[in-house]
Amino acid sequence: LTQAQALLHGDLHTGSIFVKPDSTKVIDPEFAFFGP
């Protein structure tokens, strides 16, 4: 609630990450806000 350290993705689970054996892409940061 109170610690605005940095911009967070906010919902960074394995359903919000696309992968290939040699590549990674982070998607869906709609929960983004400044937090811990």
All heavy atoms as atom14 arrays in JSON, in Angstrom:
{
  "sequence": "LTQAQALLHGDLHTGSIFVKPDSTKVIDPEFAFFGP",
  "atom14_mask": [
    [1, 1, 1, 1, 1, 1, 1, 1, 0, 0, 0, 0, 0, 0],
    [1, 1, 1, 1, 1, 1, 1, 0, 0, 0, 0, 0, 0, 0],
    [1, 1, 1, 1, 1, 1, 1, 1, 1, 0, 0, 0, 0, 0],
    [1, 1, 1, 1, 1, 0, 0, 0, 0, 0, 0, 0, 0, 0],
    [1, 1, 1, 1, 1, 1, 1, 1, 1, 0, 0, 0, 0, 0],
    [1, 1, 1, 1, 1, 0, 0, 0, 0, 0, 0, 0, 0, 0],
    [1, 1, 1, 1, 1, 1, 1, 1, 0, 0, 0, 0, 0, 0],
    [1, 1, 1, 1, 1, 1, 1, 1, 0, 0, 0, 0, 0, 0],
    [1, 1, 1, 1, 1, 1, 1, 1, 1, 1, 0, 0, 0, 0],
    [1, 1, 1, 1, 0, 0, 0, 0, 0, 0, 0, 0, 0, 0],
    [1, 1, 1, 1, 1, 1, 1, 1, 0, 0, 0, 0, 0, 0],
    [1, 1, 1, 1, 1, 1, 1, 1, 0, 0, 0, 0, 0, 0],
    [1, 1, 1, 1, 1, 1, 1, 1, 1, 1, 0, 0, 0, 0],
    [1, 1, 1, 1, 1, 1, 1, 0, 0, 0, 0, 0, 0, 0],
    [1, 1, 1, 1, 0, 0, 0, 0, 0, 0, 0, 0, 0, 0],
    [1, 1, 1, 1, 1, 1, 0, 0, 0, 0, 0, 0, 0, 0],
    [1, 1, 1, 1, 1, 1, 1, 1, 0, 0, 0, 0, 0, 0],
    [1, 1, 1, 1, 1, 1, 1, 1, 1, 1, 1, 0, 0, 0],
    [1, 1, 1, 1, 1, 1, 1, 0, 0, 0, 0, 0, 0, 0],
    [1, 1, 1, 1, 1, 1, 1, 1, 1, 0, 0, 0, 0, 0],
    [1, 1, 1, 1, 1, 1, 1, 0, 0, 0, 0, 0, 0, 0],
    [1, 1, 1, 1, 1, 1, 1, 1, 0, 0, 0, 0, 0, 0],
    [1, 1, 1, 1, 1, 1, 0, 0, 0, 0, 0, 0, 0, 0],
    [1, 1, 1, 1, 1, 1, 1, 0, 0, 0, 0, 0, 0, 0],
    [1, 1, 1, 1, 1, 1, 1, 1, 1, 0, 0, 0, 0, 0],
    [1, 1, 1, 1, 1, 1, 1, 0, 0, 0, 0, 0, 0, 0],
    [1, 1, 1, 1, 1, 1, 1, 1, 0, 0, 0, 0, 0, 0],
    [1, 1, 1, 1, 1, 1, 1, 1, 0, 0, 0, 0, 0, 0],
    [1, 1, 1, 1, 1, 1, 1, 0, 0, 0, 0, 0, 0, 0],
    [1, 1, 1, 1, 1, 1, 1, 1, 1, 0, 0, 0, 0, 0],
    [1, 1, 1, 1, 1, 1, 1, 1, 1, 1, 1, 0, 0, 0],
    [1, 1, 1, 1, 1, 0, 0, 0, 0, 0, 0, 0, 0, 0],
    [1, 1, 1, 1, 1, 1, 1, 1, 1, 1, 1, 0, 0, 0],
    [1, 1, 1, 1, 1, 1, 1, 1, 1, 1, 1, 0, 0, 0],
    [1, 1, 1, 1, 0, 0, 0, 0, 0, 0, 0, 0, 0, 0],
    [1, 1, 1, 1, 1, 1, 1, 0, 0, 0, 0, 0, 0, 0]
  ],
  "atom14_positions": [
    [[0.81, -1.22, 0.0], [0.0, 0.0, 0.0], [0.84, 1.27, 0.0], [0.4, 2.3, -0.52], [-0.91, 0.01, 1.23], [-2.06, -1.0, 1.26], [-2.7, -1.0, 2.64], [-3.09, -0.67, 0.19], [0.0, 0.0, 0.0], [0.0, 0.0, 0.0], [0.0, 0.0, 0.0], [0.0, 0.0, 0.0], [0.0, 0.0, 0.0], [0.0, 0.0, 0.0]],
    [[2.03, 1.24, 0.57], [2.73, 2.49, 0.88], [4.12, 2.65, 0.28], [4.62, 3.77, 0.21], [2.87, 2.66, 2.41], [3.69, 1.61, 2.93], [1.52, 2.63, 3.09], [0.0, 0.0, 0.0], [0.0, 0.0, 0.0], [0.0, 0.0, 0.0], [0.0, 0.0, 0.0], [0.0, 0.0, 0.0], [0.0, 0.0, 0.0], [0.0, 0.0, 0.0]],
    [[4.77, 1.57, -0.17], [6.17, 1.66, -0.56], [6.3, 1.76, -2.08], [6.32, 0.74, -2.78], [6.96, 0.46, -0.03], [8.47, 0.65, -0.16], [9.23, -0.48, 0.5], [9.09, -1.64, 0.15], [10.06, -0.14, 1.48], [0.0, 0.0, 0.0], [0.0, 0.0, 0.0], [0.0, 0.0, 0.0], [0.0, 0.0, 0.0], [0.0, 0.0, 0.0]],
    [[6.43, 2.98, -2.57], [6.49, 3.21, -4.01], [7.94, 3.17, -4.5], [8.48, 4.15, -5.0], [5.84, 4.54, -4.36], [0.0, 0.0, 0.0], [0.0, 0.0, 0.0], [0.0, 0.0, 0.0], [0.0, 0.0, 0.0], [0.0, 0.0, 0.0], [0.0, 0.0, 0.0], [0.0, 0.0, 0.0], [0.0, 0.0, 0.0], [0.0, 0.0, 0.0]],
    [[8.58, 2.01, -4.4], [9.99, 1.9, -4.76], [10.24, 2.07, -6.25], [11.2, 2.73, -6.65], [10.53, 0.53, -4.33], [10.99, 0.44, -2.89], [11.62, -0.91, -2.6], [11.1, -1.95, -2.98], [12.74, -0.89, -1.91], [0.0, 0.0, 0.0], [0.0, 0.0, 0.0], [0.0, 0.0, 0.0], [0.0, 0.0, 0.0], [0.0, 0.0, 0.0]],
    [[9.44, 1.41, -7.07], [9.72, 1.35, -8.5], [8.45, 0.99, -9.25], [7.45, 0.57, -8.65], [10.81, 0.32, -8.79], [0.0, 0.0, 0.0], [0.0, 0.0, 0.0], [0.0, 0.0, 0.0], [0.0, 0.0, 0.0], [0.0, 0.0, 0.0], [0.0, 0.0, 0.0], [0.0, 0.0, 0.0], [0.0, 0.0, 0.0], [0.0, 0.0, 0.0]],
    [[8.49, 1.15, -10.57], [7.37, 0.75, -11.41], [7.31, -0.78, -11.46], [8.24, -1.43, -11.95], [7.52, 1.31, -12.82], [6.44, 0.88, -13.82], [5.05, 1.35, -13.38], [6.76, 1.4, -15.23], [0.0, 0.0, 0.0], [0.0, 0.0, 0.0], [0.0, 0.0, 0.0], [0.0, 0.0, 0.0], [0.0, 0.0, 0.0], [0.0, 0.0, 0.0]],
    [[6.22, -1.33, -11.0], [6.02, -2.77, -11.02], [5.18, -3.18, -12.21], [4.29, -2.44, -12.65], [5.29, -3.23, -9.75], [5.9, -2.88, -8.4], [5.11, -3.59, -7.29], [7.37, -3.24, -8.33], [0.0, 0.0, 0.0], [0.0, 0.0, 0.0], [0.0, 0.0, 0.0], [0.0, 0.0, 0.0], [0.0, 0.0, 0.0], [0.0, 0.0, 0.0]],
    [[5.41, -4.37, -12.71], [4.5, -5.0, -13.65], [3.17, -5.22, -12.95], [2.1, -5.0, -13.53], [5.11, -6.32, -14.14], [4.23, -7.11, -15.05], [3.14, -7.83, -14.6], [4.3, -7.32, -16.39], [2.56, -8.44, -15.62], [3.25, -8.14, -16.72], [0.0, 0.0, 0.0], [0.0, 0.0, 0.0], [0.0, 0.0, 0.0], [0.0, 0.0, 0.0]],
    [[3.21, -5.71, -11.72], [2.03, -5.82, -10.88], [1.31, -7.16, -10.95], [0.46, -7.44, -10.1], [0.0, 0.0, 0.0], [0.0, 0.0, 0.0], [0.0, 0.0, 0.0], [0.0, 0.0, 0.0], [0.0, 0.0, 0.0], [0.0, 0.0, 0.0], [0.0, 0.0, 0.0], [0.0, 0.0, 0.0], [0.0, 0.0, 0.0], [0.0, 0.0, 0.0]],
    [[1.62, -7.98, -11.96], [0.93, -9.27, -12.1], [1.84, -10.24, -12.85], [1.43, -10.9, -13.8], [-0.39, -9.08, -12.85], [-1.34, -10.26, -12.71], [-1.26, -10.97, -11.69], [-2.17, -10.48, -13.61], [0.0, 0.0, 0.0], [0.0, 0.0, 0.0], [0.0, 0.0, 0.0], [0.0, 0.0, 0.0], [0.0, 0.0, 0.0], [0.0, 0.0, 0.0]],
    [[3.07, -10.34, -12.39], [4.12, -11.02, -13.16], [4.15, -12.52, -12.84], [5.07, -13.02, -12.22], [5.47, -10.37, -12.88], [6.63, -10.72, -13.84], [6.25, -10.45, -15.28], [7.88, -9.97, -13.45], [0.0, 0.0, 0.0], [0.0, 0.0, 0.0], [0.0, 0.0, 0.0], [0.0, 0.0, 0.0], [0.0, 0.0, 0.0], [0.0, 0.0, 0.0]],
    [[3.13, -13.22, -13.29], [3.07, -14.67, -13.11], [3.42, -15.37, -14.43], [3.62, -14.72, -15.46], [1.69, -15.09, -12.61], [0.55, -14.61, -13.46], [0.23, -15.16, -14.68], [-0.36, -13.62, -13.24], [-0.82, -14.56, -15.18], [-1.19, -13.61, -14.34], [0.0, 0.0, 0.0], [0.0, 0.0, 0.0], [0.0, 0.0, 0.0], [0.0, 0.0, 0.0]],
    [[3.47, -16.7, -14.4], [3.91, -17.43, -15.59], [2.86, -17.44, -16.7], [3.17, -17.86, -17.82], [4.29, -18.88, -15.23], [3.22, -19.48, -14.46], [5.57, -18.91, -14.39], [0.0, 0.0, 0.0], [0.0, 0.0, 0.0], [0.0, 0.0, 0.0], [0.0, 0.0, 0.0], [0.0, 0.0, 0.0], [0.0, 0.0, 0.0], [0.0, 0.0, 0.0]],
    [[1.67, -16.95, -16.42], [0.69, -16.73, -17.48], [0.85, -15.39, -18.16], [0.19, -15.12, -19.17], [0.0, 0.0, 0.0], [0.0, 0.0, 0.0], [0.0, 0.0, 0.0], [0.0, 0.0, 0.0], [0.0, 0.0, 0.0], [0.0, 0.0, 0.0], [0.0, 0.0, 0.0], [0.0, 0.0, 0.0], [0.0, 0.0, 0.0], [0.0, 0.0, 0.0]],
    [[1.72, -14.54, -17.64], [2.0, -13.22, -18.23], [3.39, -13.18, -18.86], [3.94, -12.1, -19.07], [1.9, -12.12, -17.16], [0.59, -12.03, -16.66], [0.0, 0.0, 0.0], [0.0, 0.0, 0.0], [0.0, 0.0, 0.0], [0.0, 0.0, 0.0], [0.0, 0.0, 0.0], [0.0, 0.0, 0.0], [0.0, 0.0, 0.0], [0.0, 0.0, 0.0]],
    [[3.93, -14.35, -19.13], [5.26, -14.44, -19.73], [5.19, -15.41, -20.9], [4.71, -16.54, -20.74], [6.31, -14.92, -18.7], [6.39, -13.95, -17.52], [7.68, -15.08, -19.35], [7.19, -14.48, -16.34], [0.0, 0.0, 0.0], [0.0, 0.0, 0.0], [0.0, 0.0, 0.0], [0.0, 0.0, 0.0], [0.0, 0.0, 0.0], [0.0, 0.0, 0.0]],
    [[5.63, -14.97, -22.07], [5.76, -15.83, -23.24], [7.21, -16.29, -23.35], [8.14, -15.5, -23.13], [5.37, -15.09, -24.51], [3.89, -15.11, -24.81], [3.21, -13.94, -25.1], [3.2, -16.31, -24.86], [1.87, -13.96, -25.41], [1.86, -16.34, -25.17], [1.17, -15.16, -25.44], [0.0, 0.0, 0.0], [0.0, 0.0, 0.0], [0.0, 0.0, 0.0]],
    [[7.4, -17.54, -23.71], [8.75, -18.09, -23.75], [8.98, -18.94, -25.0], [8.06, -19.54, -25.56], [9.06, -18.96, -22.5], [9.29, -18.1, -21.29], [7.95, -19.97, -22.25], [0.0, 0.0, 0.0], [0.0, 0.0, 0.0], [0.0, 0.0, 0.0], [0.0, 0.0, 0.0], [0.0, 0.0, 0.0], [0.0, 0.0, 0.0], [0.0, 0.0, 0.0]],
    [[10.23, -18.98, -25.4], [10.81, -19.98, -26.28], [12.08, -20.45, -25.58], [12.52, -19.81, -24.62], [11.13, -19.38, -27.66], [9.9, -18.94, -28.44], [10.2, -18.68, -29.91], [11.11, -17.48, -30.09], [11.28, -17.1, -31.53], [0.0, 0.0, 0.0], [0.0, 0.0, 0.0], [0.0, 0.0, 0.0], [0.0, 0.0, 0.0], [0.0, 0.0, 0.0]],
    [[12.67, -21.54, -26.03], [13.89, -21.98, -25.33], [14.98, -20.92, -25.24], [15.75, -20.91, -24.29], [14.33, -23.19, -26.17], [13.06, -23.74, -26.73], [12.21, -22.53, -27.02], [0.0, 0.0, 0.0], [0.0, 0.0, 0.0], [0.0, 0.0, 0.0], [0.0, 0.0, 0.0], [0.0, 0.0, 0.0], [0.0, 0.0, 0.0], [0.0, 0.0, 0.0]],
    [[14.99, -20.0, -26.21], [16.06, -19.0, -26.24], [15.56, -17.57, -26.11], [16.32, -16.62, -26.32], [16.87, -19.13, -27.54], [16.01, -18.89, -28.78], [14.76, -18.87, -28.66], [16.58, -18.72, -29.88], [0.0, 0.0, 0.0], [0.0, 0.0, 0.0], [0.0, 0.0, 0.0], [0.0, 0.0, 0.0], [0.0, 0.0, 0.0], [0.0, 0.0, 0.0]],
    [[14.28, -17.36, -25.76], [13.74, -16.01, -25.74], [12.6, -15.91, -24.73], [11.89, -16.88, -24.48], [13.22, -15.63, -27.14], [12.73, -14.31, -27.16], [0.0, 0.0, 0.0], [0.0, 0.0, 0.0], [0.0, 0.0, 0.0], [0.0, 0.0, 0.0], [0.0, 0.0, 0.0], [0.0, 0.0, 0.0], [0.0, 0.0, 0.0], [0.0, 0.0, 0.0]],
    [[12.46, -14.72, -24.14], [11.44, -14.46, -23.13], [10.8, -13.1, -23.41], [11.5, -12.14, -23.72], [12.07, -14.42, -21.72], [12.78, -15.64, -21.49], [11.01, -14.25, -20.64], [0.0, 0.0, 0.0], [0.0, 0.0, 0.0], [0.0, 0.0, 0.0], [0.0, 0.0, 0.0], [0.0, 0.0, 0.0], [0.0, 0.0, 0.0], [0.0, 0.0, 0.0]],
    [[9.47, -13.04, -23.3], [8.75, -11.78, -23.48], [7.74, -11.61, -22.35], [6.94, -12.51, -22.07], [8.0, -11.75, -24.81], [8.88, -11.84, -26.05], [9.53, -10.52, -26.41], [10.25, -10.63, -27.76], [10.83, -9.33, -28.19], [0.0, 0.0, 0.0], [0.0, 0.0, 0.0], [0.0, 0.0, 0.0], [0.0, 0.0, 0.0], [0.0, 0.0, 0.0]],
    [[7.76, -10.46, -21.71], [6.84, -10.15, -20.61], [5.67, -9.35, -21.16], [5.86, -8.34, -21.85], [7.57, -9.35, -19.52], [6.6, -8.93, -18.42], [8.7, -10.18, -18.93], [0.0, 0.0, 0.0], [0.0, 0.0, 0.0], [0.0, 0.0, 0.0], [0.0, 0.0, 0.0], [0.0, 0.0, 0.0], [0.0, 0.0, 0.0], [0.0, 0.0, 0.0]],
    [[4.44, -9.79, -20.87], [3.24, -9.16, -21.41], [2.3, -8.75, -20.26], [2.57, -9.0, -19.09], [2.51, -10.11, -22.38], [2.01, -11.36, -21.63], [3.42, -10.52, -23.53], [1.04, -12.22, -22.43], [0.0, 0.0, 0.0], [0.0, 0.0, 0.0], [0.0, 0.0, 0.0], [0.0, 0.0, 0.0], [0.0, 0.0, 0.0], [0.0, 0.0, 0.0]],
    [[1.21, -8.09, -20.63], [0.07, -7.84, -19.75], [0.37, -7.04, -18.48], [-0.07, -7.43, -17.39], [-0.59, -9.16, -19.35], [-1.3, -9.84, -20.5], [-1.43, -9.22, -21.57], [-1.71, -11.01, -20.33], [0.0, 0.0, 0.0], [0.0, 0.0, 0.0], [0.0, 0.0, 0.0], [0.0, 0.0, 0.0], [0.0, 0.0, 0.0], [0.0, 0.0, 0.0]],
    [[1.03, -5.88, -18.55], [1.29, -5.13, -17.32], [0.18, -4.15, -16.93], [0.43, -3.02, -16.51], [2.58, -4.38, -17.67], [2.42, -4.08, -19.14], [1.71, -5.28, -19.72], [0.0, 0.0, 0.0], [0.0, 0.0, 0.0], [0.0, 0.0, 0.0], [0.0, 0.0, 0.0], [0.0, 0.0, 0.0], [0.0, 0.0, 0.0], [0.0, 0.0, 0.0]],
    [[-1.08, -4.56, -17.06], [-2.17, -3.63, -16.76], [-2.32, -3.36, -15.27], [-2.98, -2.4, -14.88], [-3.48, -4.12, -17.36], [-3.98, -5.44, -16.82], [-5.1, -6.0, -17.68], [-6.03, -5.25, -17.98], [-5.02, -7.18, -18.07], [0.0, 0.0, 0.0], [0.0, 0.0, 0.0], [0.0, 0.0, 0.0], [0.0, 0.0, 0.0], [0.0, 0.0, 0.0]],
    [[-1.72, -4.2, -14.42], [-1.72, -3.95, -12.99], [-0.55, -3.05, -12.57], [-0.3, -2.89, -11.38], [-1.63, -5.28, -12.23], [-2.93, -6.02, -12.13], [-3.44, -6.71, -13.22], [-3.65, -6.04, -10.94], [-4.64, -7.41, -13.13], [-4.85, -6.74, -10.84], [-5.35, -7.43, -11.94], [0.0, 0.0, 0.0], [0.0, 0.0, 0.0], [0.0, 0.0, 0.0]],
    [[0.14, -2.46, -13.53], [1.35, -1.68, -13.23], [1.04, -0.52, -12.29], [0.01, 0.16, -12.41], [1.96, -1.15, -14.52], [0.0, 0.0, 0.0], [0.0, 0.0, 0.0], [0.0, 0.0, 0.0], [0.0, 0.0, 0.0], [0.0, 0.0, 0.0], [0.0, 0.0, 0.0], [0.0, 0.0, 0.0], [0.0, 0.0, 0.0], [0.0, 0.0, 0.0]],
    [[1.94, -0.29, -11.36], [1.88, 0.85, -10.44], [3.23, 0.92, -9.74], [4.08, 0.05, -9.92], [0.74, 0.69, -9.43], [1.07, -0.19, -8.26], [1.17, 0.35, -6.98], [1.28, -1.55, -8.41], [1.49, -0.47, -5.89], [1.59, -2.36, -7.33], [1.69, -1.81, -6.07], [0.0, 0.0, 0.0], [0.0, 0.0, 0.0], [0.0, 0.0, 0.0]],
    [[3.46, 1.97, -8.97], [4.7, 2.09, -8.23], [4.53, 1.44, -6.86], [3.71, 1.87, -6.05], [5.11, 3.55, -8.1], [5.94, 4.03, -9.26], [5.36, 4.23, -10.51], [7.3, 4.24, -9.13], [6.12, 4.64, -11.59], [8.07, 4.64, -10.21], [7.49, 4.85, -11.44], [0.0, 0.0, 0.0], [0.0, 0.0, 0.0], [0.0, 0.0, 0.0]],
    [[5.32, 0.38, -6.62], [5.2, -0.37, -5.38], [6.51, -1.01, -4.99], [7.58, -0.69, -5.55], [0.0, 0.0, 0.0], [0.0, 0.0, 0.0], [0.0, 0.0, 0.0], [0.0, 0.0, 0.0], [0.0, 0.0, 0.0], [0.0, 0.0, 0.0], [0.0, 0.0, 0.0], [0.0, 0.0, 0.0], [0.0, 0.0, 0.0], [0.0, 0.0, 0.0]],
    [[6.48, -1.94, -4.03], [7.72, -2.57, -3.53], [8.29, -3.57, -4.53], [7.59, -4.44, -5.04], [7.25, -3.27, -2.26], [5.79, -3.52, -2.46], [5.29, -2.38, -3.31], [0.0, 0.0, 0.0], [0.0, 0.0, 0.0], [0.0, 0.0, 0.0], [0.0, 0.0, 0.0], [0.0, 0.0, 0.0], [0.0, 0.0, 0.0], [0.0, 0.0, 0.0]]
  ]
}
